[in-house]
Amino acid sequence: MESLLVLINIILAVILIIVILLQRSEGGALGLGVSQDNFTSARSVGTFLTKFTSIIAALFIICSIAIVAISRDEFRETQSVLEKEEEKNSNLPQIPQSK
């Protein structure tokens, strides 16, 4: 299950990168060199690509959180190395010790 989620997460990451690169640059680099007229008109309408980007980004975040949750559950079930060795040794016949 975890490997499937990792594969889906990689695919979502590639799609997200492509969609972001396809978007038109709004320019301004953090608002530098943008007049008020261009700022209000550029932000007033959300295009298909911006909506699609937000949906893909949300799916990417949800998938990443699911991967972490699954891996944490698997990590809790594991035993320490010493406990595993004790289980192996308990199955072996015991040698009587002399006093």
PDB file of N, CA and C in Angstrom:
ATOM      1  N   MET A   1       0.823  -1.189   0.000  1.00  0.00           N
ATOM      2  CA  MET A   1       0.000   0.000   0.000  1.00  0.00           C
ATOM      3  C   MET A   1       0.868   1.254   0.000  1.00  0.00           C
ATOM      4  N   GLU A   2       1.945   1.184   0.779  1.00  0.00           N
ATOM      5  CA  GLU A   2       2.812   2.361   0.876  1.00  0.00           C
ATOM      6  C   GLU A   2       3.505   2.647  -0.455  1.00  0.00           C
ATOM      7  N   SER A   3       3.912   1.608  -1.149  1.00  0.00           N
ATOM      8  CA  SER A   3       4.583   1.820  -2.440  1.00  0.00           C
ATOM      9  C   SER A   3       3.620   2.396  -3.476  1.00  0.00           C
ATOM     10  N   LEU A   4       2.358   2.012  -3.416  1.00  0.00           N
ATOM     11  CA  LEU A   4       1.359   2.577  -4.316  1.00  0.00           C
ATOM     12  C   LEU A   4       1.166   4.065  -4.040  1.00  0.00           C
ATOM     13  N   LEU A   5       1.108   4.428  -2.763  1.00  0.00           N
ATOM     14  CA  LEU A   5       0.956   5.841  -2.414  1.00  0.00           C
ATOM     15  C   LEU A   5       2.182   6.654  -2.808  1.00  0.00           C
ATOM     16  N   VAL A   6       3.366   6.058  -2.683  1.00  0.00           N
ATOM     17  CA  VAL A   6       4.577   6.767  -3.106  1.00  0.00           C
ATOM     18  C   VAL A   6       4.545   6.994  -4.612  1.00  0.00           C
ATOM     19  N   LEU A   7       4.112   5.996  -5.374  1.00  0.00           N
ATOM     20  CA  LEU A   7       4.008   6.143  -6.824  1.00  0.00           C
ATOM     21  C   LEU A   7       2.998   7.231  -7.193  1.00  0.00           C
ATOM     22  N   ILE A   8       1.856   7.234  -6.539  1.00  0.00           N
ATOM     23  CA  ILE A   8       0.844   8.262  -6.787  1.00  0.00           C
ATOM     24  C   ILE A   8       1.391   9.636  -6.429  1.00  0.00           C
ATOM     25  N   ASN A   9       2.144   9.718  -5.338  1.00  0.00           N
ATOM     26  CA  ASN A   9       2.712  10.988  -4.907  1.00  0.00           C
ATOM     27  C   ASN A   9       3.729  11.515  -5.919  1.00  0.00           C
ATOM     28  N   ILE A  10       4.526  10.628  -6.491  1.00  0.00           N
ATOM     29  CA  ILE A  10       5.497  11.044  -7.508  1.00  0.00           C
ATOM     30  C   ILE A  10       4.774  11.542  -8.756  1.00  0.00           C
ATOM     31  N   ILE A  11       3.728  10.838  -9.161  1.00  0.00           N
ATOM     32  CA  ILE A  11       2.954  11.258 -10.336  1.00  0.00           C
ATOM     33  C   ILE A  11       2.313  12.616 -10.084  1.00  0.00           C
ATOM     34  N   LEU A  12       1.745  12.812  -8.893  1.00  0.00           N
ATOM     35  CA  LEU A  12       1.146  14.104  -8.561  1.00  0.00           C
ATOM     36  C   LEU A  12       2.188  15.215  -8.552  1.00  0.00           C
ATOM     37  N   ALA A  13       3.395  14.921  -8.075  1.00  0.00           N
ATOM     38  CA  ALA A  13       4.457  15.926  -8.059  1.00  0.00           C
ATOM     39  C   ALA A  13       4.841  16.338  -9.472  1.00  0.00           C
ATOM     40  N   VAL A  14       4.950  15.368 -10.374  1.00  0.00           N
ATOM     41  CA  VAL A  14       5.306  15.685 -11.763  1.00  0.00           C
ATOM     42  C   VAL A  14       4.196  16.501 -12.421  1.00  0.00           C
ATOM     43  N   ILE A  15       2.943  16.111 -12.198  1.00  0.00           N
ATOM     44  CA  ILE A  15       1.814  16.868 -12.758  1.00  0.00           C
ATOM     45  C   ILE A  15       1.804  18.279 -12.198  1.00  0.00           C
ATOM     46  N   LEU A  16       2.064  18.416 -10.911  1.00  0.00           N
ATOM     47  CA  LEU A  16       2.079  19.733 -10.283  1.00  0.00           C
ATOM     48  C   LEU A  16       3.169  20.619 -10.874  1.00  0.00           C
ATOM     49  N   ILE A  17       4.338  20.058 -11.100  1.00  0.00           N
ATOM     50  CA  ILE A  17       5.428  20.834 -11.707  1.00  0.00           C
ATOM     51  C   ILE A  17       5.048  21.282 -13.111  1.00  0.00           C
ATOM     52  N   ILE A  18       4.476  20.379 -13.898  1.00  0.00           N
ATOM     53  CA  ILE A  18       4.095  20.723 -15.271  1.00  0.00           C
ATOM     54  C   ILE A  18       3.021  21.798 -15.288  1.00  0.00           C
ATOM     55  N   VAL A  19       2.017  21.671 -14.424  1.00  0.00           N
ATOM     56  CA  VAL A  19       0.926  22.649 -14.400  1.00  0.00           C
ATOM     57  C   VAL A  19       1.443  24.019 -13.953  1.00  0.00           C
ATOM     58  N   ILE A  20       2.345  24.037 -13.001  1.00  0.00           N
ATOM     59  CA  ILE A  20       2.901  25.319 -12.550  1.00  0.00           C
ATOM     60  C   ILE A  20       3.715  25.969 -13.663  1.00  0.00           C
ATOM     61  N   LEU A  21       4.480  25.170 -14.400  1.00  0.00           N
ATOM     62  CA  LEU A  21       5.275  25.728 -15.494  1.00  0.00           C
ATOM     63  C   LEU A  21       4.411  26.200 -16.663  1.00  0.00           C
ATOM     64  N   LEU A  22       3.222  25.635 -16.821  1.00  0.00           N
ATOM     65  CA  LEU A  22       2.323  26.058 -17.895  1.00  0.00           C
ATOM     66  C   LEU A  22       1.615  27.376 -17.600  1.00  0.00           C
ATOM     67  N   GLN A  23       1.557  27.768 -16.353  1.00  0.00           N
ATOM     68  CA  GLN A  23       0.820  28.969 -15.993  1.00  0.00           C
ATOM     69  C   GLN A  23       1.522  30.220 -16.483  1.00  0.00           C
ATOM     70  N   ARG A  24       0.724  31.225 -16.757  1.00  0.00           N
ATOM     71  CA  ARG A  24       1.240  32.515 -17.198  1.00  0.00           C
ATOM     72  C   ARG A  24       1.837  33.227 -15.993  1.00  0.00           C
ATOM     73  N   SER A  25       3.010  33.772 -16.179  1.00  0.00           N
ATOM     74  CA  SER A  25       3.663  34.502 -15.104  1.00  0.00           C
ATOM     75  C   SER A  25       2.936  35.819 -14.885  1.00  0.00           C
ATOM     76  N   GLU A  26       2.622  36.102 -13.636  1.00  0.00           N
ATOM     77  CA  GLU A  26       1.956  37.355 -13.325  1.00  0.00           C
ATOM     78  C   GLU A  26       2.965  38.456 -13.088  1.00  0.00           C
ATOM     79  N   GLY A  27       4.239  38.097 -13.033  1.00  0.00           N
ATOM     80  CA  GLY A  27       5.301  39.089 -12.934  1.00  0.00           C
ATOM     81  C   GLY A  27       5.296  39.817 -11.609  1.00  0.00           C
ATOM     82  N   GLY A  28       6.264  40.678 -11.468  1.00  0.00           N
ATOM     83  CA  GLY A  28       6.273  41.514 -10.295  1.00  0.00           C
ATOM     84  C   GLY A  28       7.186  41.037  -9.199  1.00  0.00           C
ATOM     85  N   ALA A  29       7.558  39.811  -9.151  1.00  0.00           N
ATOM     86  CA  ALA A  29       8.453  39.268  -8.132  1.00  0.00           C
ATOM     87  C   ALA A  29       8.094  39.779  -6.742  1.00  0.00           C
ATOM     88  N   LEU A  30       7.110  39.232  -6.153  1.00  0.00           N
ATOM     89  CA  LEU A  30       6.615  39.599  -4.823  1.00  0.00           C
ATOM     90  C   LEU A  30       6.042  41.009  -4.779  1.00  0.00           C
ATOM     91  N   GLY A  31       5.431  41.431  -5.880  1.00  0.00           N
ATOM     92  CA  GLY A  31       4.757  42.713  -5.893  1.00  0.00           C
ATOM     93  C   GLY A  31       5.614  43.876  -6.340  1.00  0.00           C
ATOM     94  N   LEU A  32       6.831  43.647  -6.719  1.00  0.00           N
ATOM     95  CA  LEU A  32       7.690  44.740  -7.167  1.00  0.00           C
ATOM     96  C   LEU A  32       7.376  45.078  -8.613  1.00  0.00           C
ATOM     97  N   GLY A  33       7.177  46.334  -8.897  1.00  0.00           N
ATOM     98  CA  GLY A  33       6.958  46.775 -10.267  1.00  0.00           C
ATOM     99  C   GLY A  33       5.564  46.514 -10.791  1.00  0.00           C
ATOM    100  N   VAL A  34       4.598  46.276  -9.930  1.00  0.00           N
ATOM    101  CA  VAL A  34       3.230  46.036 -10.367  1.00  0.00           C
ATOM    102  C   VAL A  34       2.379  47.216  -9.945  1.00  0.00           C
ATOM    103  N   SER A  35       1.653  47.773 -10.887  1.00  0.00           N
ATOM    104  CA  SER A  35       0.767  48.882 -10.533  1.00  0.00           C
ATOM    105  C   SER A  35      -0.518  48.327  -9.930  1.00  0.00           C
ATOM    106  N   GLN A  36      -1.280  49.192  -9.295  1.00  0.00           N
ATOM    107  CA  GLN A  36      -2.520  48.759  -8.649  1.00  0.00           C
ATOM    108  C   GLN A  36      -3.533  48.267  -9.673  1.00  0.00           C
ATOM    109  N   ASP A  37      -3.565  48.874 -10.865  1.00  0.00           N
ATOM    110  CA  ASP A  37      -4.540  48.463 -11.880  1.00  0.00           C
ATOM    111  C   ASP A  37      -4.287  47.029 -12.337  1.00  0.00           C
ATOM    112  N   ASN A  38      -3.049  46.700 -12.605  1.00  0.00           N
ATOM    113  CA  ASN A  38      -2.718  45.341 -13.041  1.00  0.00           C
ATOM    114  C   ASN A  38      -2.913  44.338 -11.921  1.00  0.00           C
ATOM    115  N   PHE A  39      -2.682  44.746 -10.692  1.00  0.00           N
ATOM    116  CA  PHE A  39      -2.799  43.830  -9.561  1.00  0.00           C
ATOM    117  C   PHE A  39      -4.239  43.383  -9.364  1.00  0.00           C
ATOM    118  N   THR A  40      -5.182  44.312  -9.421  1.00  0.00           N
ATOM    119  CA  THR A  40      -6.580  43.945  -9.189  1.00  0.00           C
ATOM    120  C   THR A  40      -7.149  43.143 -10.349  1.00  0.00           C
ATOM    121  N   SER A  41      -6.777  43.476 -11.582  1.00  0.00           N
ATOM    122  CA  SER A  41      -7.339  42.740 -12.721  1.00  0.00           C
ATOM    123  C   SER A  41      -6.730  41.343 -12.836  1.00  0.00           C
ATOM    124  N   ALA A  42      -5.449  41.201 -12.469  1.00  0.00           N
ATOM    125  CA  ALA A  42      -4.799  39.893 -12.582  1.00  0.00           C
ATOM    126  C   ALA A  42      -5.309  38.930 -11.523  1.00  0.00           C
ATOM    127  N   ARG A  43      -5.691  39.440 -10.386  1.00  0.00           N
ATOM    128  CA  ARG A  43      -6.141  38.577  -9.291  1.00  0.00           C
ATOM    129  C   ARG A  43      -7.646  38.357  -9.265  1.00  0.00           C
ATOM    130  N   SER A  44      -8.391  39.059 -10.094  1.00  0.00           N
ATOM    131  CA  SER A  44      -9.843  38.989  -9.983  1.00  0.00           C
ATOM    132  C   SER A  44     -10.431  37.686 -10.506  1.00  0.00           C
ATOM    133  N   VAL A  45      -9.832  37.083 -11.511  1.00  0.00           N
ATOM    134  CA  VAL A  45     -10.396  35.888 -12.140  1.00  0.00           C
ATOM    135  C   VAL A  45      -9.432  34.721 -11.962  1.00  0.00           C
ATOM    136  N   GLY A  46      -9.942  33.623 -11.386  1.00  0.00           N
ATOM    137  CA  GLY A  46      -9.131  32.417 -11.271  1.00  0.00           C
ATOM    138  C   GLY A  46      -9.289  31.580 -12.525  1.00  0.00           C
ATOM    139  N   THR A  47      -8.185  31.279 -13.175  1.00  0.00           N
ATOM    140  CA  THR A  47      -8.247  30.497 -14.404  1.00  0.00           C
ATOM    141  C   THR A  47      -8.333  29.013 -14.080  1.00  0.00           C
ATOM    142  N   PHE A  48      -8.522  28.259 -15.111  1.00  0.00           N
ATOM    143  CA  PHE A  48      -8.602  26.808 -14.956  1.00  0.00           C
ATOM    144  C   PHE A  48      -7.311  26.247 -14.385  1.00  0.00           C
ATOM    145  N   LEU A  49      -6.175  26.767 -14.855  1.00  0.00           N
ATOM    146  CA  LEU A  49      -4.899  26.237 -14.390  1.00  0.00           C
ATOM    147  C   LEU A  49      -4.665  26.506 -12.913  1.00  0.00           C
ATOM    148  N   THR A  50      -5.090  27.656 -12.426  1.00  0.00           N
ATOM    149  CA  THR A  50      -4.885  27.938 -11.000  1.00  0.00           C
ATOM    150  C   THR A  50      -5.767  27.047 -10.137  1.00  0.00           C
ATOM    151  N   LYS A  51      -6.987  26.807 -10.581  1.00  0.00           N
ATOM    152  CA  LYS A  51      -7.868  25.901  -9.835  1.00  0.00           C
ATOM    153  C   LYS A  51      -7.349  24.470  -9.885  1.00  0.00           C
ATOM    154  N   PHE A  52      -6.883  24.059 -11.060  1.00  0.00           N
ATOM    155  CA  PHE A  52      -6.333  22.715 -11.218  1.00  0.00           C
ATOM    156  C   PHE A  52      -5.072  22.554 -10.366  1.00  0.00           C
ATOM    157  N   THR A  53      -4.261  23.607 -10.307  1.00  0.00           N
ATOM    158  CA  THR A  53      -3.044  23.573  -9.490  1.00  0.00           C
ATOM    159  C   THR A  53      -3.385  23.408  -8.014  1.00  0.00           C
ATOM    160  N   SER A  54      -4.391  24.116  -7.552  1.00  0.00           N
ATOM    161  CA  SER A  54      -4.759  24.002  -6.139  1.00  0.00           C
ATOM    162  C   SER A  54      -5.316  22.619  -5.813  1.00  0.00           C
ATOM    163  N   ILE A  55      -6.043  22.024  -6.739  1.00  0.00           N
ATOM    164  CA  ILE A  55      -6.583  20.677  -6.514  1.00  0.00           C
ATOM    165  C   ILE A  55      -5.450  19.649  -6.475  1.00  0.00           C
ATOM    166  N   ILE A  56      -4.513  19.746  -7.431  1.00  0.00           N
ATOM    167  CA  ILE A  56      -3.382  18.811  -7.462  1.00  0.00           C
ATOM    168  C   ILE A  56      -2.508  18.997  -6.220  1.00  0.00           C
ATOM    169  N   ALA A  57      -2.302  20.252  -5.795  1.00  0.00           N
ATOM    170  CA  ALA A  57      -1.490  20.510  -4.605  1.00  0.00           C
ATOM    171  C   ALA A  57      -2.154  19.925  -3.360  1.00  0.00           C
ATOM    172  N   ALA A  58      -3.479  20.054  -3.261  1.00  0.00           N
ATOM    173  CA  ALA A  58      -4.195  19.487  -2.113  1.00  0.00           C
ATOM    174  C   ALA A  58      -4.087  17.958  -2.112  1.00  0.00           C
ATOM    175  N   LEU A  59      -4.233  17.342  -3.276  1.00  0.00           N
ATOM    176  CA  LEU A  59      -4.092  15.885  -3.362  1.00  0.00           C
ATOM    177  C   LEU A  59      -2.677  15.445  -3.005  1.00  0.00           C
ATOM    178  N   PHE A  60      -1.673  16.226  -3.433  1.00  0.00           N
ATOM    179  CA  PHE A  60      -0.283  15.918  -3.117  1.00  0.00           C
ATOM    180  C   PHE A  60      -0.048  15.968  -1.606  1.00  0.00           C
ATOM    181  N   ILE A  61      -0.587  16.971  -0.947  1.00  0.00           N
ATOM    182  CA  ILE A  61      -0.415  17.106   0.506  1.00  0.00           C
ATOM    183  C   ILE A  61      -1.134  15.979   1.234  1.00  0.00           C
ATOM    184  N   ILE A  62      -2.343  15.653   0.817  1.00  0.00           N
ATOM    185  CA  ILE A  62      -3.103  14.570   1.454  1.00  0.00           C
ATOM    186  C   ILE A  62      -2.379  13.237   1.282  1.00  0.00           C
ATOM    187  N   CYS A  63      -1.855  13.003   0.089  1.00  0.00           N
ATOM    188  CA  CYS A  63      -1.128  11.761  -0.181  1.00  0.00           C
ATOM    189  C   CYS A  63       0.149  11.692   0.662  1.00  0.00           C
ATOM    190  N   SER A  64       0.838  12.823   0.806  1.00  0.00           N
ATOM    191  CA  SER A  64       2.051  12.854   1.622  1.00  0.00           C
ATOM    192  C   SER A  64       1.742  12.562   3.084  1.00  0.00           C
ATOM    193  N   ILE A  65       0.665  13.118   3.591  1.00  0.00           N
ATOM    194  CA  ILE A  65       0.267  12.867   4.984  1.00  0.00           C
ATOM    195  C   ILE A  65      -0.120  11.403   5.168  1.00  0.00           C
ATOM    196  N   ALA A  66      -0.792  10.824   4.171  1.00  0.00           N
ATOM    197  CA  ALA A  66      -1.166   9.409   4.255  1.00  0.00           C
ATOM    198  C   ALA A  66       0.069   8.512   4.272  1.00  0.00           C
ATOM    199  N   ILE A  67       1.084   8.856   3.488  1.00  0.00           N
ATOM    200  CA  ILE A  67       2.323   8.070   3.483  1.00  0.00           C
ATOM    201  C   ILE A  67       2.987   8.116   4.848  1.00  0.00           C
ATOM    202  N   VAL A  68       3.024   9.295   5.451  1.00  0.00           N
ATOM    203  CA  VAL A  68       3.627   9.426   6.781  1.00  0.00           C
ATOM    204  C   VAL A  68       2.836   8.629   7.809  1.00  0.00           C
ATOM    205  N   ALA A  69       1.514   8.686   7.740  1.00  0.00           N
ATOM    206  CA  ALA A  69       0.684   7.965   8.706  1.00  0.00           C
ATOM    207  C   ALA A  69       0.879   6.454   8.574  1.00  0.00           C
ATOM    208  N   ILE A  70       0.947   5.966   7.356  1.00  0.00           N
ATOM    209  CA  ILE A  70       1.132   4.525   7.158  1.00  0.00           C
ATOM    210  C   ILE A  70       2.519   4.088   7.618  1.00  0.00           C
ATOM    211  N   SER A  71       3.525   4.874   7.309  1.00  0.00           N
ATOM    212  CA  SER A  71       4.878   4.482   7.703  1.00  0.00           C
ATOM    213  C   SER A  71       5.054   4.555   9.219  1.00  0.00           C
ATOM    214  N   ARG A  72       4.375   5.463   9.886  1.00  0.00           N
ATOM    215  CA  ARG A  72       4.458   5.525  11.351  1.00  0.00           C
ATOM    216  C   ARG A  72       3.787   4.310  11.984  1.00  0.00           C
ATOM    217  N   ASP A  73       2.679   3.848  11.412  1.00  0.00           N
ATOM    218  CA  ASP A  73       2.015   2.659  11.946  1.00  0.00           C
ATOM    219  C   ASP A  73       2.891   1.427  11.787  1.00  0.00           C
ATOM    220  N   GLU A  74       3.570   1.315  10.645  1.00  0.00           N
ATOM    221  CA  GLU A  74       4.461   0.175  10.435  1.00  0.00           C
ATOM    222  C   GLU A  74       5.664   0.247  11.359  1.00  0.00           C
ATOM    223  N   PHE A  75       6.109   1.453  11.656  1.00  0.00           N
ATOM    224  CA  PHE A  75       7.271   1.619  12.517  1.00  0.00           C
ATOM    225  C   PHE A  75       6.942   1.212  13.954  1.00  0.00           C
ATOM    226  N   ARG A  76       5.736   1.472  14.400  1.00  0.00           N
ATOM    227  CA  ARG A  76       5.341   1.120  15.769  1.00  0.00           C
ATOM    228  C   ARG A  76       5.262  -0.386  15.978  1.00  0.00           C
ATOM    229  N   GLU A  77       4.929  -1.120  14.941  1.00  0.00           N
ATOM    230  CA  GLU A  77       4.765  -2.561  15.072  1.00  0.00           C
ATOM    231  C   GLU A  77       6.088  -3.305  15.136  1.00  0.00           C
ATOM    232  N   THR A  78       7.161  -2.696  14.707  1.00  0.00           N
ATOM    233  CA  THR A  78       8.445  -3.384  14.698  1.00  0.00           C
ATOM    234  C   THR A  78       9.003  -3.486  16.105  1.00  0.00           C
ATOM    235  N   GLN A  79       9.861  -4.460  16.286  1.00  0.00           N
ATOM    236  CA  GLN A  79      10.492  -4.683  17.574  1.00  0.00           C
ATOM    237  C   GLN A  79      11.930  -4.212  17.507  1.00  0.00           C
ATOM    238  N   SER A  80      12.521  -4.086  18.663  1.00  0.00           N
ATOM    239  CA  SER A  80      13.927  -3.733  18.675  1.00  0.00           C
ATOM    240  C   SER A  80      14.762  -4.946  18.269  1.00  0.00           C
ATOM    241  N   VAL A  81      16.011  -4.704  17.965  1.00  0.00           N
ATOM    242  CA  VAL A  81      16.902  -5.782  17.542  1.00  0.00           C
ATOM    243  C   VAL A  81      17.076  -6.797  18.663  1.00  0.00           C
ATOM    244  N   LEU A  82      17.158  -6.340  19.898  1.00  0.00           N
ATOM    245  CA  LEU A  82      17.328  -7.251  21.033  1.00  0.00           C
ATOM    246  C   LEU A  82      16.118  -8.159  21.219  1.00  0.00           C
ATOM    247  N   GLU A  83      14.901  -7.602  21.040  1.00  0.00           N
ATOM    248  CA  GLU A  83      13.695  -8.419  21.177  1.00  0.00           C
ATOM    249  C   GLU A  83      13.626  -9.483  20.082  1.00  0.00           C
ATOM    250  N   LYS A  84      14.044  -9.127  18.878  1.00  0.00           N
ATOM    251  CA  LYS A  84      14.047 -10.110  17.787  1.00  0.00           C
ATOM    252  C   LYS A  84      15.052 -11.229  18.070  1.00  0.00           C
ATOM    253  N   GLU A  85      16.208 -10.880  18.599  1.00  0.00           N
ATOM    254  CA  GLU A  85      17.217 -11.893  18.928  1.00  0.00           C
ATOM    255  C   GLU A  85      16.739 -12.797  20.053  1.00  0.00           C
ATOM    256  N   GLU A  86      16.037 -12.248  21.029  1.00  0.00           N
ATOM    257  CA  GLU A  86      15.503 -13.065  22.117  1.00  0.00           C
ATOM    258  C   GLU A  86      14.478 -14.063  21.594  1.00  0.00           C
ATOM    259  N   GLU A  87      13.650 -13.633  20.632  1.00  0.00           N
ATOM    260  CA  GLU A  87      12.670 -14.547  20.050  1.00  0.00           C
ATOM    261  C   GLU A  87      13.357 -15.668  19.269  1.00  0.00           C
ATOM    262  N   LYS A  88      14.419 -15.341  18.550  1.00  0.00           N
ATOM    263  CA  LYS A  88      15.162 -16.363  17.817  1.00  0.00           C
ATOM    264  C   LYS A  88      15.780 -17.365  18.789  1.00  0.00           C
ATOM    265  N   ASN A  89      16.366 -16.872  19.865  1.00  0.00           N
ATOM    266  CA  ASN A  89      17.038 -17.733  20.831  1.00  0.00           C
ATOM    267  C   ASN A  89      16.059 -18.552  21.649  1.00  0.00           C
ATOM    268  N   SER A  90      14.847 -18.072  21.818  1.00  0.00           N
ATOM    269  CA  SER A  90      13.879 -18.845  22.600  1.00  0.00           C
ATOM    270  C   SER A  90      13.419 -20.089  21.840  1.00  0.00           C
ATOM    271  N   ASN A  91      13.527 -20.082  20.532  1.00  0.00           N
ATOM    272  CA  ASN A  91      13.127 -21.234  19.728  1.00  0.00           C
ATOM    273  C   ASN A  91      14.205 -22.312  19.687  1.00  0.00           C
ATOM    274  N   LEU A  92      15.434 -21.959  20.027  1.00  0.00           N
ATOM    275  CA  LEU A  92      16.525 -22.919  20.021  1.00  0.00           C
ATOM    276  C   LEU A  92      16.501 -23.752  21.300  1.00  0.00           C
ATOM    277  N   PRO A  93      16.956 -24.982  21.238  1.00  0.00           N
ATOM    278  CA  PRO A  93      17.026 -25.788  22.464  1.00  0.00           C
ATOM    279  C   PRO A  93      18.067 -25.185  23.420  1.00  0.00           C
ATOM    280  N   GLN A  94      17.716 -25.188  24.687  1.00  0.00           N
ATOM    281  CA  GLN A  94      18.599 -24.597  25.695  1.00  0.00           C
ATOM    282  C   GLN A  94      19.639 -25.607  26.149  1.00  0.00           C
ATOM    283  N   ILE A  95      20.841 -25.126  26.298  1.00  0.00           N
ATOM    284  CA  ILE A  95      21.929 -25.969  26.788  1.00  0.00           C
ATOM    285  C   ILE A  95      21.932 -25.894  28.308  1.00  0.00           C
ATOM    286  N   PRO A  96      21.892 -27.034  28.982  1.00  0.00           N
ATOM    287  CA  PRO A  96      21.918 -26.978  30.448  1.00  0.00           C
ATOM    288  C   PRO A  96      23.266 -26.439  30.930  1.00  0.00           C
ATOM    289  N   GLN A  97      23.182 -25.577  31.905  1.00  0.00           N
ATOM    290  CA  GLN A  97      24.406 -24.994  32.456  1.00  0.00           C
ATOM    291  C   GLN A  97      24.797 -25.737  33.731  1.00  0.00           C
ATOM    292  N   SER A  98      26.083 -26.024  33.852  1.00  0.00           N
ATOM    293  CA  SER A  98      26.558 -26.723  35.063  1.00  0.00           C
ATOM    294  C   SER A  98      26.913 -25.691  36.120  1.00  0.00           C
ATOM    295  N   LYS A  99      26.758 -26.113  37.381  1.00  0.00           N
ATOM    296  CA  LYS A  99      27.067 -25.212  38.486  1.00  0.00           C
ATOM    297  C   LYS A  99      28.401 -25.472  39.073  1.00  0.00           C
TER     298      LYS A  99
END
